[in-house]
C-alpha atoms as a PDB file:
ATOM      1  CA  MET A   1     121.551 108.814 -52.592  1.00  0.00           C
ATOM      2  CA  GLU A   2     120.930 112.529 -53.090  1.00  0.00           C
ATOM      3  CA  ARG A   3     120.706 112.144 -56.891  1.00  0.00           C
ATOM      4  CA  VAL A   4     118.285 109.249 -56.497  1.00  0.00           C
ATOM      5  CA  ALA A   5     116.155 111.290 -54.093  1.00  0.00           C
ATOM      6  CA  ARG A   6     116.197 114.247 -56.473  1.00  0.00           C
ATOM      7  CA  PHE A   7     115.146 112.004 -59.383  1.00  0.00           C
ATOM      8  CA  THR A   8     112.379 110.253 -57.459  1.00  0.00           C
ATOM      9  CA  GLY A   9     111.238 113.617 -56.103  1.00  0.00           C
ATOM     10  CA  ILE A  10     110.832 114.897 -59.660  1.00  0.00           C
ATOM     11  CA  VAL A  11     109.010 111.694 -60.676  1.00  0.00           C
ATOM     12  CA  ALA A  12     106.732 112.035 -57.638  1.00  0.00           C
ATOM     13  CA  ARG A  13     106.008 115.696 -58.411  1.00  0.00           C
ATOM     14  CA  ILE A  14     105.142 114.804 -62.027  1.00  0.00           C
ATOM     15  CA  GLY A  15     102.914 111.990 -60.748  1.00  0.00           C
ATOM     16  CA  LEU A  16     101.111 114.390 -58.418  1.00  0.00           C
ATOM     17  CA  TRP A  17     100.623 116.929 -61.208  1.00  0.00           C
ATOM     18  CA  ILE A  18      99.237 114.244 -63.513  1.00  0.00           C
ATOM     19  CA  SER A  19      96.965 113.072 -60.691  1.00  0.00           C
ATOM     20  CA  GLY A  20      95.702 116.592 -60.002  1.00  0.00           C
ATOM     21  CA  ILE A  21      95.128 117.344 -63.667  1.00  0.00           C
ATOM     22  CA  GLY A  22      93.438 113.961 -64.048  1.00  0.00           C
ATOM     23  CA  LEU A  23      91.053 114.734 -61.200  1.00  0.00           C
ATOM     24  CA  VAL A  24      90.093 118.034 -62.843  1.00  0.00           C
ATOM     25  CA  VAL A  25      89.735 116.401 -66.280  1.00  0.00           C
ATOM     26  CA  MET A  26      87.587 113.592 -64.890  1.00  0.00           C
ATOM     27  CA  THR A  27      85.378 116.093 -63.072  1.00  0.00           C
ATOM     28  CA  ALA A  28      84.983 118.103 -66.277  1.00  0.00           C
ATOM     29  CA  MET A  29      84.112 114.958 -68.230  1.00  0.00           C
ATOM     30  CA  ILE A  30      81.431 113.956 -65.740  1.00  0.00           C
ATOM     31  CA  ALA A  31      80.069 117.516 -65.625  1.00  0.00           C
ATOM     32  CA  ALA A  32      79.898 117.552 -69.429  1.00  0.00           C
ATOM     33  CA  GLN A  33      78.073 114.218 -69.391  1.00  0.00           C
ATOM     34  CA  VAL A  34      75.525 115.493 -66.862  1.00  0.00           C
ATOM     35  CA  PHE A  35      75.020 118.715 -68.837  1.00  0.00           C
ATOM     36  CA  PHE A  36      74.604 116.922 -72.150  1.00  0.00           C
ATOM     37  CA  ARG A  37      72.306 114.251 -70.742  1.00  0.00           C
ATOM     38  CA  TYR A  38      70.001 116.403 -68.626  1.00  0.00           C
ATOM     39  CA  VAL A  39      70.134 119.795 -70.304  1.00  0.00           C
ATOM     40  CA  LEU A  40      70.645 118.936 -73.968  1.00  0.00           C
ATOM     41  CA  ASN A  41      68.937 115.516 -73.746  1.00  0.00           C
ATOM     42  CA  ASN A  42      71.868 113.942 -75.567  1.00  0.00           C
ATOM     43  CA  SER A  43      74.561 111.636 -74.147  1.00  0.00           C
ATOM     44  CA  LEU A  44      78.280 111.705 -74.735  1.00  0.00           C
ATOM     45  CA  ILE A  45      79.092 107.988 -74.961  1.00  0.00           C
ATOM     46  CA  TRP A  46      82.828 108.389 -74.364  1.00  0.00           C
ATOM     47  CA  THR A  47      82.743 110.249 -71.036  1.00  0.00           C
ATOM     48  CA  GLU A  48      82.040 107.315 -68.719  1.00  0.00           C
ATOM     49  CA  PRO A  49      84.767 104.926 -69.972  1.00  0.00           C
ATOM     50  CA  GLY A  50      87.125 107.864 -70.482  1.00  0.00           C
ATOM     51  CA  SER A  51      86.621 109.148 -66.953  1.00  0.00           C
ATOM     52  CA  ILE A  52      87.172 105.656 -65.528  1.00  0.00           C
ATOM     53  CA  ILE A  53      90.539 105.402 -67.300  1.00  0.00           C
ATOM     54  CA  VAL A  54      91.525 108.885 -66.106  1.00  0.00           C
ATOM     55  CA  MET A  55      90.425 107.964 -62.579  1.00  0.00           C
ATOM     56  CA  GLY A  56      92.659 104.889 -62.640  1.00  0.00           C
ATOM     57  CA  TRP A  57      95.616 107.095 -63.519  1.00  0.00           C
ATOM     58  CA  PHE A  58      95.114 109.661 -60.787  1.00  0.00           C
ATOM     59  CA  ILE A  59      94.331 107.098 -58.104  1.00  0.00           C
ATOM     60  CA  LEU A  60      97.277 104.806 -58.792  1.00  0.00           C
ATOM     61  CA  LEU A  61      99.828 107.543 -59.420  1.00  0.00           C
ATOM     62  CA  GLY A  62      98.661 109.341 -56.283  1.00  0.00           C
ATOM     63  CA  ALA A  63      98.866 106.109 -54.270  1.00  0.00           C
ATOM     64  CA  ALA A  64     102.441 105.538 -55.431  1.00  0.00           C
ATOM     65  CA  VAL A  65     103.430 109.055 -54.376  1.00  0.00           C
ATOM     66  CA  GLY A  66     101.693 108.466 -51.045  1.00  0.00           C
ATOM     67  CA  ILE A  67     103.927 105.457 -50.508  1.00  0.00           C
ATOM     68  CA  ARG A  68     107.034 107.534 -51.244  1.00  0.00           C
ATOM     69  CA  GLU A  69     105.977 110.246 -48.819  1.00  0.00           C
ATOM     70  CA  GLY A  70     104.884 107.817 -46.086  1.00  0.00           C
ATOM     71  CA  TYR A  71     101.187 108.656 -46.305  1.00  0.00           C
ATOM     72  CA  HIS A  72     100.054 105.108 -47.021  1.00  0.00           C
ATOM     73  CA  LEU A  73      97.753 103.297 -44.647  1.00  0.00           C
ATOM     74  CA  SER A  74      99.474 101.531 -41.778  1.00  0.00           C
ATOM     75  CA  PHE A  75      98.602 100.027 -38.437  1.00  0.00           C
ATOM     76  CA  GLU A  76     101.254 101.116 -35.944  1.00  0.00           C
ATOM     77  CA  VAL A  77      99.803 100.487 -32.494  1.00  0.00           C
ATOM     78  CA  LEU A  78     102.316  97.718 -31.702  1.00  0.00           C
ATOM     79  CA  LEU A  79     105.202  99.845 -32.968  1.00  0.00           C
ATOM     80  CA  TYR A  80     104.789 102.341 -30.113  1.00  0.00           C
ATOM     81  CA  LEU A  81     105.821  99.619 -27.657  1.00  0.00           C
ATOM     82  CA  LEU A  82     108.818  98.236 -29.552  1.00  0.00           C
ATOM     83  CA  PRO A  83     112.444  99.375 -29.483  1.00  0.00           C
ATOM     84  CA  ASP A  84     113.629 101.580 -32.348  1.00  0.00           C
ATOM     85  CA  LYS A  85     115.766  98.862 -33.968  1.00  0.00           C
ATOM     86  CA  VAL A  86     112.803  96.469 -34.124  1.00  0.00           C
ATOM     87  CA  LYS A  87     110.669  99.263 -35.599  1.00  0.00           C
ATOM     88  CA  LEU A  88     113.195  99.775 -38.373  1.00  0.00           C
ATOM     89  CA  VAL A  89     113.120  96.061 -39.202  1.00  0.00           C
ATOM     90  CA  LEU A  90     109.320  96.031 -39.284  1.00  0.00           C
ATOM     91  CA  TYR A  91     109.242  99.175 -41.441  1.00  0.00           C
ATOM     92  CA  SER A  92     111.620  97.456 -43.848  1.00  0.00           C
ATOM     93  CA  VAL A  93     109.496  94.295 -43.921  1.00  0.00           C
ATOM     94  CA  SER A  94     106.493  96.490 -44.702  1.00  0.00           C
ATOM     95  CA  ASP A  95     108.362  98.182 -47.545  1.00  0.00           C
ATOM     96  CA  LEU A  96     109.388  94.786 -48.936  1.00  0.00           C
ATOM     97  CA  VAL A  97     105.767  93.617 -48.919  1.00  0.00           C
ATOM     98  CA  VAL A  98     104.692  96.847 -50.656  1.00  0.00           C
ATOM     99  CA  THR A  99     107.486  96.349 -53.222  1.00  0.00           C
ATOM    100  CA  ALA A 100     106.242  92.826 -53.933  1.00  0.00           C
ATOM    101  CA  PHE A 101     102.689  94.124 -54.278  1.00  0.00           C
ATOM    102  CA  GLY A 102     103.846  96.787 -56.760  1.00  0.00           C
ATOM    103  CA  ALA A 103     105.772  94.166 -58.732  1.00  0.00           C
ATOM    104  CA  GLY A 104     102.628  92.038 -58.849  1.00  0.00           C
ATOM    105  CA  MET A 105     100.722  95.023 -60.193  1.00  0.00           C
ATOM    106  CA  VAL A 106     103.275  95.394 -62.989  1.00  0.00           C
ATOM    107  CA  VAL A 107     103.350  91.689 -63.907  1.00  0.00           C
ATOM    108  CA  TYR A 108      99.636  91.004 -63.736  1.00  0.00           C
ATOM    109  CA  GLY A 109      98.694  94.391 -65.157  1.00  0.00           C
ATOM    110  CA  TRP A 110     100.970  93.648 -68.119  1.00  0.00           C
ATOM    111  CA  GLN A 111      99.310  90.261 -68.608  1.00  0.00           C
ATOM    112  CA  LEU A 112      95.848  91.827 -68.529  1.00  0.00           C
ATOM    113  CA  ALA A 113      96.928  94.531 -70.963  1.00  0.00           C
ATOM    114  CA  ALA A 114      98.387  91.936 -73.321  1.00  0.00           C
ATOM    115  CA  LYS A 115      95.177  89.888 -73.246  1.00  0.00           C
ATOM    116  CA  THR A 116      93.006  92.897 -74.014  1.00  0.00           C
ATOM    117  CA  ALA A 117      95.320  94.688 -76.470  1.00  0.00           C
ATOM    118  CA  SER A 118      93.422  93.374 -79.480  1.00  0.00           C
ATOM    119  CA  VAL A 119      90.043  94.377 -78.033  1.00  0.00           C
ATOM    120  CA  LYS A 120      88.832  97.807 -79.075  1.00  0.00           C
ATOM    121  CA  LEU A 121      86.859  99.867 -76.579  1.00  0.00           C
ATOM    122  CA  PRO A 122      83.806 100.747 -78.668  1.00  0.00           C
ATOM    123  CA  SER A 123      83.010 104.144 -77.209  1.00  0.00           C
ATOM    124  CA  LEU A 124      86.614 105.374 -77.245  1.00  0.00           C
ATOM    125  CA  GLY A 125      88.039 103.527 -80.238  1.00  0.00           C
ATOM    126  CA  ILE A 126      91.245 102.635 -78.386  1.00  0.00           C
ATOM    127  CA  SER A 127      92.810  99.348 -77.309  1.00  0.00           C
ATOM    128  CA  GLY A 128      91.451  97.683 -74.181  1.00  0.00           C
ATOM    129  CA  ALA A 129      95.033  97.599 -72.909  1.00  0.00           C
ATOM    130  CA  TRP A 130      94.640 101.258 -71.937  1.00  0.00           C
ATOM    131  CA  ASN A 131      92.383 100.156 -69.086  1.00  0.00           C
ATOM    132  CA  PHE A 132      95.386  98.467 -67.458  1.00  0.00           C
ATOM    133  CA  MET A 133      98.149 100.993 -68.140  1.00  0.00           C
ATOM    134  CA  PRO A 134      97.559 102.835 -64.836  1.00  0.00           C
ATOM    135  CA  ILE A 135      98.067  99.538 -62.974  1.00  0.00           C
ATOM    136  CA  ILE A 136     101.383  98.930 -64.737  1.00  0.00           C
ATOM    137  CA  PHE A 137     102.746 102.463 -64.289  1.00  0.00           C
ATOM    138  CA  GLY A 138     101.401 102.808 -60.743  1.00  0.00           C
ATOM    139  CA  GLY A 139     102.948  99.457 -59.807  1.00  0.00           C
ATOM    140  CA  ALA A 140     106.295 100.461 -61.298  1.00  0.00           C
ATOM    141  CA  LEU A 141     106.290 103.672 -59.265  1.00  0.00           C
ATOM    142  CA  ILE A 142     105.323 101.756 -56.126  1.00  0.00           C
ATOM    143  CA  VAL A 143     108.333  99.475 -56.660  1.00  0.00           C
ATOM    144  CA  LEU A 144     110.633 102.455 -57.319  1.00  0.00           C
ATOM    145  CA  PHE A 145     109.465 104.430 -54.297  1.00  0.00           C
ATOM    146  CA  SER A 146     109.473 101.422 -51.955  1.00  0.00           C
ATOM    147  CA  LEU A 147     113.028 100.541 -52.981  1.00  0.00           C
ATOM    148  CA  GLU A 148     113.994 104.160 -52.374  1.00  0.00           C
ATOM    149  CA  ARG A 149     112.538 103.964 -48.869  1.00  0.00           C
ATOM    150  CA  LEU A 150     114.515 100.781 -48.189  1.00  0.00           C
ATOM    151  CA  ALA A 151     117.736 102.346 -49.489  1.00  0.00           C
ATOM    152  CA  ARG A 152     117.211 105.534 -47.470  1.00  0.00           C
ATOM    153  CA  ARG A 153     116.550 103.535 -44.313  1.00  0.00           C
ATOM    154  CA  ALA A 154     119.662 101.402 -44.923  1.00  0.00           C
ATOM    155  CA  ALA A 155     121.681 104.617 -45.295  1.00  0.00           C
ATOM    156  CA  GLY A 156     120.255 106.001 -42.041  1.00  0.00           C
ATOM    157  CA  LEU A 157     118.303 108.754 -43.805  1.00  0.00           C
ATOM    158  CA  PRO A 158     114.672 109.760 -43.162  1.00  0.00           C
ATOM    159  CA  THR A 159     112.186 107.891 -45.317  1.00  0.00           C
ATOM    160  CA  SER A 160     109.239 110.235 -45.186  1.00  0.00           C
ATOM    161  CA  ARG A 161     108.176 113.714 -44.295  1.00  0.00           C
ATOM    162  CA  PHE A 162     106.065 112.639 -41.346  1.00  0.00           C
ATOM    163  CA  GLY A 163     107.623 109.267 -40.483  1.00  0.00           C
ATOM    164  CA  ASP A 164     108.146 107.878 -37.012  1.00  0.00           C
ATOM    165  CA  ALA A 165     111.160 109.205 -35.141  1.00  0.00           C
ATOM    166  CA  ALA A 166     112.735 105.751 -35.387  1.00  0.00           C
ATOM    167  CA  GLU A 167     112.860 106.137 -39.153  1.00  0.00           C
ATOM    168  CA  HIS A 168     115.002 109.285 -38.906  1.00  0.00           C
END
């Protein structure tokens, strides 16, 4: 389990770095667009679709890492009243649902990418499939990290940095 955790930790760190760099790149692209449009009175046609693709990458990679670290949105009011063993079952059910959601992202993202692969994005000159690549990769990481959480819980190990005491 330690090797798996080390591997997924490296993948998560790379995902966070890509997300952070993507946020900076998207901000620079939008700033360039504003400067060109309002100062130079000339538009860069590629910045809007380019920044949307970059935004998809940093949002979905960051969301996947948030799932690994236990930062994802949850509603835990009922869990405060339940015994620890029931909490662990409910946490596992939650991780299974998140895994299924991530798998759906991969499958349906792949289908969307396949349907738009022959379409060329006019302002960027690349395949329309690139619009859906963040969904596929983000979904794959969500599956990986959710399965890791399930395996860690089954082994009696903590599943997140700030998880409930019942998870430790």
